[in-house]
Amino acid sequence: MGHVLVTGATGGIGVALVGALVEAGHQVTAVGRDVGRLDVRGIEADLAEPGTLAAAMRTLEDAGQLADVQALVHCAGISPVASVADADSETLRRTLAVNVGSAAELVRLTLPALRRSRGHVVFVNAAPGMSGVARWSAFVGSKAALRELADSLREEEATYGVRVTTVYPGATATDLLGEVRSAFGRPYDPGRCIRPETIAAMICWVLSAPPDAYPCELSVLPSPG
């Protein structure tokens, strides 16, 4: 059992993941906003401002608990619906910052610990195969960047034994998906979606992979019917 940092811990997948990790015996630290309402240790941080994360993480370092981090799971994400013509520069900046910039900065801050523990980084990406979606360029572009971050990090850190996995969840029953579907004018039926607890269980499975192999990419789809 290890110490896992989780971003997006107050979102649909994040809440389920924190519960699953705690149940599995892991020590969990949630990083982000409003994490004080969770029943785990939290670090208040604004993921839209990656430059502030080093100072936020200092509380964990001062407590001597940054050095024992064994996994980082980046669940945080925002998904504004707007065309290229209508999205202002702040929309793009904020989306890239939350979805990929904060992930890169937290990886940088935790890499010394992850190298020592031969740890694991998990990035929760978009649905499998998503590309070129009208009115969703900021989100889709940020997730493409997150995929490239994962692939580059995997190559760079292989010599240190650090594992890097990208999880591609299909439509998952979260409030965020409901908001996105509404913005697109599309129906949202949670009963036809993957449960957040299912995605959480699969991430826990990824983190428990045996020492000789692990999934570097995991696409998750709703069961047929």
C-alpha atoms as a PDB file:
ATOM      1  CA  MET A   1       0.000   0.000   0.000  1.00  0.00           C
ATOM      2  CA  GLY A   2       1.301   3.439  -0.823  1.00  0.00           C
ATOM      3  CA  HIS A   3       0.823   7.170  -0.716  1.00  0.00           C
ATOM      4  CA  VAL A   4      -1.221   8.407  -3.696  1.00  0.00           C
ATOM      5  CA  LEU A   5      -1.779  12.015  -4.775  1.00  0.00           C
ATOM      6  CA  VAL A   6      -5.100  12.583  -6.543  1.00  0.00           C
ATOM      7  CA  THR A   7      -6.203  15.695  -8.426  1.00  0.00           C
ATOM      8  CA  GLY A   8      -9.834  16.260  -9.297  1.00  0.00           C
ATOM      9  CA  ALA A   9     -10.717  14.401  -6.113  1.00  0.00           C
ATOM     10  CA  THR A  10     -14.011  16.261  -5.659  1.00  0.00           C
ATOM     11  CA  GLY A  11     -15.270  15.358  -9.131  1.00  0.00           C
ATOM     12  CA  GLY A  12     -17.347  12.334 -10.077  1.00  0.00           C
ATOM     13  CA  ILE A  13     -14.480   9.977 -10.869  1.00  0.00           C
ATOM     14  CA  GLY A  14     -12.220  11.550  -8.249  1.00  0.00           C
ATOM     15  CA  VAL A  15     -14.606  11.015  -5.327  1.00  0.00           C
ATOM     16  CA  ALA A  16     -15.073   7.380  -6.325  1.00  0.00           C
ATOM     17  CA  LEU A  17     -11.332   6.928  -6.740  1.00  0.00           C
ATOM     18  CA  VAL A  18     -10.473   8.376  -3.334  1.00  0.00           C
ATOM     19  CA  GLY A  19     -12.960   5.996  -1.726  1.00  0.00           C
ATOM     20  CA  ALA A  20     -11.593   3.003  -3.621  1.00  0.00           C
ATOM     21  CA  LEU A  21      -7.982   3.861  -2.788  1.00  0.00           C
ATOM     22  CA  VAL A  22      -8.741   4.284   0.916  1.00  0.00           C
ATOM     23  CA  GLU A  23     -10.657   1.013   0.947  1.00  0.00           C
ATOM     24  CA  ALA A  24      -7.647  -0.677  -0.647  1.00  0.00           C
ATOM     25  CA  GLY A  25      -5.452   0.597   2.178  1.00  0.00           C
ATOM     26  CA  HIS A  26      -3.680   3.460   0.419  1.00  0.00           C
ATOM     27  CA  GLN A  27      -2.840   6.774   2.033  1.00  0.00           C
ATOM     28  CA  VAL A  28      -4.452   9.490  -0.097  1.00  0.00           C
ATOM     29  CA  THR A  29      -3.719  13.189  -0.457  1.00  0.00           C
ATOM     30  CA  ALA A  30      -6.184  15.207  -2.528  1.00  0.00           C
ATOM     31  CA  VAL A  31      -4.829  18.228  -4.415  1.00  0.00           C
ATOM     32  CA  GLY A  32      -7.151  20.975  -5.629  1.00  0.00           C
ATOM     33  CA  ARG A  33      -9.986  23.208  -4.530  1.00  0.00           C
ATOM     34  CA  ASP A  34     -12.565  22.407  -1.840  1.00  0.00           C
ATOM     35  CA  VAL A  35     -10.645  19.292  -0.805  1.00  0.00           C
ATOM     36  CA  GLY A  36     -11.310  20.058   2.855  1.00  0.00           C
ATOM     37  CA  ARG A  37     -14.731  18.425   2.540  1.00  0.00           C
ATOM     38  CA  LEU A  38     -13.147  15.047   1.815  1.00  0.00           C
ATOM     39  CA  ASP A  39     -12.279  12.532   4.515  1.00  0.00           C
ATOM     40  CA  VAL A  40      -8.627  12.447   3.460  1.00  0.00           C
ATOM     41  CA  ARG A  41      -5.734  14.837   3.774  1.00  0.00           C
ATOM     42  CA  GLY A  42      -6.092  17.738   1.346  1.00  0.00           C
ATOM     43  CA  ILE A  43      -3.858  20.389  -0.165  1.00  0.00           C
ATOM     44  CA  GLU A  44      -5.755  23.455  -1.326  1.00  0.00           C
ATOM     45  CA  ALA A  45      -4.405  24.481  -4.719  1.00  0.00           C
ATOM     46  CA  ASP A  46      -5.570  26.248  -7.860  1.00  0.00           C
ATOM     47  CA  LEU A  47      -4.812  23.931 -10.772  1.00  0.00           C
ATOM     48  CA  ALA A  48      -5.565  26.773 -13.168  1.00  0.00           C
ATOM     49  CA  GLU A  49      -2.350  28.396 -11.894  1.00  0.00           C
ATOM     50  CA  PRO A  50       0.368  25.721 -12.152  1.00  0.00           C
ATOM     51  CA  GLY A  51       2.997  28.215 -11.043  1.00  0.00           C
ATOM     52  CA  THR A  52       1.480  28.249  -7.549  1.00  0.00           C
ATOM     53  CA  LEU A  53       1.623  24.483  -7.038  1.00  0.00           C
ATOM     54  CA  ALA A  54       5.195  24.341  -5.721  1.00  0.00           C
ATOM     55  CA  ALA A  55       4.243  26.608  -2.825  1.00  0.00           C
ATOM     56  CA  ALA A  56       1.054  24.631  -2.176  1.00  0.00           C
ATOM     57  CA  MET A  57       2.954  21.341  -2.106  1.00  0.00           C
ATOM     58  CA  ARG A  58       5.449  22.726   0.395  1.00  0.00           C
ATOM     59  CA  THR A  59       3.095  21.891   3.241  1.00  0.00           C
ATOM     60  CA  LEU A  60       3.365  18.223   2.290  1.00  0.00           C
ATOM     61  CA  GLU A  61       7.127  18.531   1.976  1.00  0.00           C
ATOM     62  CA  ASP A  62       7.444  20.265   5.345  1.00  0.00           C
ATOM     63  CA  ALA A  63       5.498  17.402   6.927  1.00  0.00           C
ATOM     64  CA  GLY A  64       8.008  14.962   5.452  1.00  0.00           C
ATOM     65  CA  GLN A  65       5.308  13.280   3.387  1.00  0.00           C
ATOM     66  CA  LEU A  66       6.210  14.365  -0.133  1.00  0.00           C
ATOM     67  CA  ALA A  67       9.151  11.982  -0.186  1.00  0.00           C
ATOM     68  CA  ASP A  68       6.946   8.915   0.291  1.00  0.00           C
ATOM     69  CA  VAL A  69       4.625   9.545  -2.679  1.00  0.00           C
ATOM     70  CA  GLN A  70       4.318   6.386  -4.745  1.00  0.00           C
ATOM     71  CA  ALA A  71       1.658   7.380  -7.260  1.00  0.00           C
ATOM     72  CA  LEU A  72       0.082  10.449  -8.831  1.00  0.00           C
ATOM     73  CA  VAL A  73      -3.356  10.233 -10.451  1.00  0.00           C
ATOM     74  CA  HIS A  74      -4.442  13.286 -12.445  1.00  0.00           C
ATOM     75  CA  CYS A  75      -8.249  13.231 -12.641  1.00  0.00           C
ATOM     76  CA  ALA A  76      -8.769  16.981 -12.759  1.00  0.00           C
ATOM     77  CA  GLY A  77     -10.231  18.449 -15.898  1.00  0.00           C
ATOM     78  CA  ILE A  78     -12.490  21.155 -17.258  1.00  0.00           C
ATOM     79  CA  SER A  79     -14.307  20.944 -20.575  1.00  0.00           C
ATOM     80  CA  PRO A  80     -15.748  24.234 -21.852  1.00  0.00           C
ATOM     81  CA  VAL A  81     -17.960  23.966 -24.912  1.00  0.00           C
ATOM     82  CA  ALA A  82     -17.163  26.783 -27.340  1.00  0.00           C
ATOM     83  CA  SER A  83     -16.127  27.155 -30.954  1.00  0.00           C
ATOM     84  CA  VAL A  84     -12.704  28.483 -31.862  1.00  0.00           C
ATOM     85  CA  ALA A  85     -14.389  31.693 -33.001  1.00  0.00           C
ATOM     86  CA  ASP A  86     -16.146  32.173 -29.661  1.00  0.00           C
ATOM     87  CA  ALA A  87     -13.534  30.993 -27.149  1.00  0.00           C
ATOM     88  CA  ASP A  88     -11.394  33.781 -25.748  1.00  0.00           C
ATOM     89  CA  SER A  89      -7.744  33.399 -24.812  1.00  0.00           C
ATOM     90  CA  GLU A  90      -8.533  32.946 -21.118  1.00  0.00           C
ATOM     91  CA  THR A  91     -10.740  29.935 -21.890  1.00  0.00           C
ATOM     92  CA  LEU A  92      -7.897  28.263 -23.755  1.00  0.00           C
ATOM     93  CA  ARG A  93      -5.301  29.219 -21.143  1.00  0.00           C
ATOM     94  CA  ARG A  94      -7.368  27.933 -18.250  1.00  0.00           C
ATOM     95  CA  THR A  95      -8.271  24.669 -19.990  1.00  0.00           C
ATOM     96  CA  LEU A  96      -4.669  23.913 -20.877  1.00  0.00           C
ATOM     97  CA  ALA A  97      -3.521  24.871 -17.371  1.00  0.00           C
ATOM     98  CA  VAL A  98      -5.977  22.630 -15.524  1.00  0.00           C
ATOM     99  CA  ASN A  99      -5.952  19.699 -17.926  1.00  0.00           C
ATOM    100  CA  VAL A 100      -2.257  19.426 -18.736  1.00  0.00           C
ATOM    101  CA  GLY A 101      -0.128  22.223 -17.250  1.00  0.00           C
ATOM    102  CA  SER A 102      -0.922  21.347 -13.642  1.00  0.00           C
ATOM    103  CA  ALA A 103      -0.345  17.674 -14.401  1.00  0.00           C
ATOM    104  CA  ALA A 104       3.125  18.396 -15.764  1.00  0.00           C
ATOM    105  CA  GLU A 105       4.012  20.570 -12.784  1.00  0.00           C
ATOM    106  CA  LEU A 106       2.839  18.024 -10.216  1.00  0.00           C
ATOM    107  CA  VAL A 107       4.816  15.324 -12.001  1.00  0.00           C
ATOM    108  CA  ARG A 108       7.894  17.537 -11.846  1.00  0.00           C
ATOM    109  CA  LEU A 109       7.413  18.149  -8.131  1.00  0.00           C
ATOM    110  CA  THR A 110       6.882  14.490  -7.280  1.00  0.00           C
ATOM    111  CA  LEU A 111       9.438  12.886  -9.610  1.00  0.00           C
ATOM    112  CA  PRO A 112      12.188  12.546  -6.983  1.00  0.00           C
ATOM    113  CA  ALA A 113       9.797  10.517  -4.817  1.00  0.00           C
ATOM    114  CA  LEU A 114       8.385   8.573  -7.765  1.00  0.00           C
ATOM    115  CA  ARG A 115      11.885   7.639  -8.910  1.00  0.00           C
ATOM    116  CA  ARG A 116      12.848   6.401  -5.453  1.00  0.00           C
ATOM    117  CA  SER A 117       9.708   4.293  -5.167  1.00  0.00           C
ATOM    118  CA  ARG A 118       9.644   3.204  -8.830  1.00  0.00           C
ATOM    119  CA  GLY A 119       6.191   4.701  -8.707  1.00  0.00           C
ATOM    120  CA  HIS A 120       3.280   5.222 -11.056  1.00  0.00           C
ATOM    121  CA  VAL A 121       1.689   8.190 -12.828  1.00  0.00           C
ATOM    122  CA  VAL A 122      -1.872   7.837 -14.137  1.00  0.00           C
ATOM    123  CA  PHE A 123      -3.438  10.431 -16.420  1.00  0.00           C
ATOM    124  CA  VAL A 124      -7.211  10.302 -16.929  1.00  0.00           C
ATOM    125  CA  ASN A 125      -7.746  11.419 -20.515  1.00  0.00           C
ATOM    126  CA  ALA A 126     -10.772  11.746 -22.812  1.00  0.00           C
ATOM    127  CA  ALA A 127     -12.905   9.004 -24.324  1.00  0.00           C
ATOM    128  CA  PRO A 128     -11.058   6.570 -26.609  1.00  0.00           C
ATOM    129  CA  GLY A 129     -10.313   7.926 -30.079  1.00  0.00           C
ATOM    130  CA  MET A 130     -11.642  11.430 -29.457  1.00  0.00           C
ATOM    131  CA  SER A 131     -10.330  13.901 -32.013  1.00  0.00           C
ATOM    132  CA  GLY A 132     -11.495  16.932 -33.973  1.00  0.00           C
ATOM    133  CA  VAL A 133     -14.755  17.693 -32.140  1.00  0.00           C
ATOM    134  CA  ALA A 134     -16.480  20.888 -33.232  1.00  0.00           C
ATOM    135  CA  ARG A 135     -17.045  23.385 -30.388  1.00  0.00           C
ATOM    136  CA  TRP A 136     -14.705  21.435 -28.098  1.00  0.00           C
ATOM    137  CA  SER A 137     -11.272  22.403 -29.391  1.00  0.00           C
ATOM    138  CA  ALA A 138      -9.864  23.609 -26.058  1.00  0.00           C
ATOM    139  CA  PHE A 139     -10.774  20.369 -24.305  1.00  0.00           C
ATOM    140  CA  VAL A 140      -9.773  18.008 -27.113  1.00  0.00           C
ATOM    141  CA  GLY A 141      -6.532  19.926 -27.700  1.00  0.00           C
ATOM    142  CA  SER A 142      -5.630  19.797 -24.014  1.00  0.00           C
ATOM    143  CA  LYS A 143      -6.244  16.049 -23.908  1.00  0.00           C
ATOM    144  CA  ALA A 144      -4.042  15.536 -26.978  1.00  0.00           C
ATOM    145  CA  ALA A 145      -1.325  17.443 -25.132  1.00  0.00           C
ATOM    146  CA  LEU A 146      -1.895  15.302 -22.041  1.00  0.00           C
ATOM    147  CA  ARG A 147      -1.423  12.161 -24.138  1.00  0.00           C
ATOM    148  CA  GLU A 148       1.866  13.505 -25.502  1.00  0.00           C
ATOM    149  CA  LEU A 149       2.975  14.414 -21.972  1.00  0.00           C
ATOM    150  CA  ALA A 150       2.303  10.841 -20.890  1.00  0.00           C
ATOM    151  CA  ASP A 151       4.120   9.304 -23.841  1.00  0.00           C
ATOM    152  CA  SER A 152       7.173  11.534 -23.428  1.00  0.00           C
ATOM    153  CA  LEU A 153       7.277  10.994 -19.663  1.00  0.00           C
ATOM    154  CA  ARG A 154       7.105   7.225 -20.142  1.00  0.00           C
ATOM    155  CA  GLU A 155      10.180   7.319 -22.389  1.00  0.00           C
ATOM    156  CA  GLU A 156      12.098   9.676 -20.104  1.00  0.00           C
ATOM    157  CA  GLU A 157      11.456   7.876 -16.835  1.00  0.00           C
ATOM    158  CA  ALA A 158      11.722   4.241 -17.931  1.00  0.00           C
ATOM    159  CA  THR A 159      15.318   4.062 -16.719  1.00  0.00           C
ATOM    160  CA  TYR A 160      14.111   5.021 -13.225  1.00  0.00           C
ATOM    161  CA  GLY A 161      11.378   2.383 -13.216  1.00  0.00           C
ATOM    162  CA  VAL A 162       8.540   4.915 -13.202  1.00  0.00           C
ATOM    163  CA  ARG A 163       5.350   3.621 -14.816  1.00  0.00           C
ATOM    164  CA  VAL A 164       3.068   5.919 -16.820  1.00  0.00           C
ATOM    165  CA  THR A 165      -0.481   4.973 -17.758  1.00  0.00           C
ATOM    166  CA  THR A 166      -3.133   6.874 -19.692  1.00  0.00           C
ATOM    167  CA  VAL A 167      -6.733   5.876 -18.978  1.00  0.00           C
ATOM    168  CA  TYR A 168      -9.314   6.672 -21.653  1.00  0.00           C
ATOM    169  CA  PRO A 169     -12.778   6.410 -20.060  1.00  0.00           C
ATOM    170  CA  GLY A 170     -15.843   6.272 -22.247  1.00  0.00           C
ATOM    171  CA  ALA A 171     -18.977   8.193 -21.253  1.00  0.00           C
ATOM    172  CA  THR A 172     -19.021   8.161 -17.445  1.00  0.00           C
ATOM    173  CA  ALA A 173     -21.999   9.134 -15.296  1.00  0.00           C
ATOM    174  CA  THR A 174     -20.781  12.386 -13.776  1.00  0.00           C
ATOM    175  CA  ASP A 175     -22.276  15.831 -13.308  1.00  0.00           C
ATOM    176  CA  LEU A 176     -19.640  17.203 -15.681  1.00  0.00           C
ATOM    177  CA  LEU A 177     -20.756  14.911 -18.499  1.00  0.00           C
ATOM    178  CA  GLY A 178     -24.343  15.989 -17.896  1.00  0.00           C
ATOM    179  CA  GLU A 179     -23.315  19.637 -18.223  1.00  0.00           C
ATOM    180  CA  VAL A 180     -21.335  18.975 -21.400  1.00  0.00           C
ATOM    181  CA  ARG A 181     -24.146  16.991 -23.018  1.00  0.00           C
ATOM    182  CA  SER A 182     -26.560  19.815 -22.152  1.00  0.00           C
ATOM    183  CA  ALA A 183     -24.245  22.399 -23.730  1.00  0.00           C
ATOM    184  CA  PHE A 184     -24.134  20.308 -26.894  1.00  0.00           C
ATOM    185  CA  GLY A 185     -27.917  19.841 -26.826  1.00  0.00           C
ATOM    186  CA  ARG A 186     -27.539  16.091 -26.505  1.00  0.00           C
ATOM    187  CA  PRO A 187     -29.391  13.720 -24.141  1.00  0.00           C
ATOM    188  CA  TYR A 188     -27.720  12.451 -20.991  1.00  0.00           C
ATOM    189  CA  ASP A 189     -28.810   9.128 -19.509  1.00  0.00           C
ATOM    190  CA  PRO A 190     -26.581   8.078 -16.576  1.00  0.00           C
ATOM    191  CA  GLY A 191     -27.953   4.555 -16.836  1.00  0.00           C
ATOM    192  CA  ARG A 192     -26.287   4.153 -20.234  1.00  0.00           C
ATOM    193  CA  CYS A 193     -22.917   5.363 -18.953  1.00  0.00           C
ATOM    194  CA  ILE A 194     -20.040   3.795 -17.040  1.00  0.00           C
ATOM    195  CA  ARG A 195     -20.310   4.224 -13.283  1.00  0.00           C
ATOM    196  CA  PRO A 196     -17.538   6.348 -11.724  1.00  0.00           C
ATOM    197  CA  GLU A 197     -16.907   3.501  -9.280  1.00  0.00           C
ATOM    198  CA  THR A 198     -16.066   1.260 -12.230  1.00  0.00           C
ATOM    199  CA  ILE A 199     -13.431   3.679 -13.545  1.00  0.00           C
ATOM    200  CA  ALA A 200     -12.065   4.001 -10.000  1.00  0.00           C
ATOM    201  CA  ALA A 201     -11.796   0.224  -9.677  1.00  0.00           C
ATOM    202  CA  MET A 202      -9.904   0.029 -12.957  1.00  0.00           C
ATOM    203  CA  ILE A 203      -7.456   2.728 -11.889  1.00  0.00           C
ATOM    204  CA  CYS A 204      -6.851   0.825  -8.645  1.00  0.00           C
ATOM    205  CA  TRP A 205      -6.244  -2.284 -10.749  1.00  0.00           C
ATOM    206  CA  VAL A 206      -3.698  -0.383 -12.853  1.00  0.00           C
ATOM    207  CA  LEU A 207      -1.871   0.741  -9.702  1.00  0.00           C
ATOM    208  CA  SER A 208      -1.751  -2.838  -8.422  1.00  0.00           C
ATOM    209  CA  ALA A 209      -0.161  -4.290 -11.557  1.00  0.00           C
ATOM    210  CA  PRO A 210       2.503  -6.954 -10.884  1.00  0.00           C
ATOM    211  CA  PRO A 211       6.168  -5.921 -10.987  1.00  0.00           C
ATOM    212  CA  ASP A 212       6.991  -7.384 -14.388  1.00  0.00           C
ATOM    213  CA  ALA A 213       4.309  -5.623 -16.479  1.00  0.00           C
ATOM    214  CA  TYR A 214       1.649  -2.926 -16.479  1.00  0.00           C
ATOM    215  CA  PRO A 215      -0.867  -1.347 -18.915  1.00  0.00           C
ATOM    216  CA  CYS A 216       0.551   1.800 -20.467  1.00  0.00           C
ATOM    217  CA  GLU A 217      -2.853   2.630 -21.975  1.00  0.00           C
ATOM    218  CA  LEU A 218      -6.319   1.529 -20.906  1.00  0.00           C
ATOM    219  CA  SER A 219      -9.451   2.254 -22.927  1.00  0.00           C
ATOM    220  CA  VAL A 220     -12.714   1.703 -21.060  1.00  0.00           C
ATOM    221  CA  LEU A 221     -16.077   1.375 -22.820  1.00  0.00           C
ATOM    222  CA  PRO A 222     -19.611   0.761 -21.538  1.00  0.00           C
ATOM    223  CA  SER A 223     -20.637  -2.871 -21.863  1.00  0.00           C
ATOM    224  CA  PRO A 224     -22.835  -3.613 -24.898  1.00  0.00           C
ATOM    225  CA  GLY A 225     -26.556  -3.559 -24.294  1.00  0.00           C
END
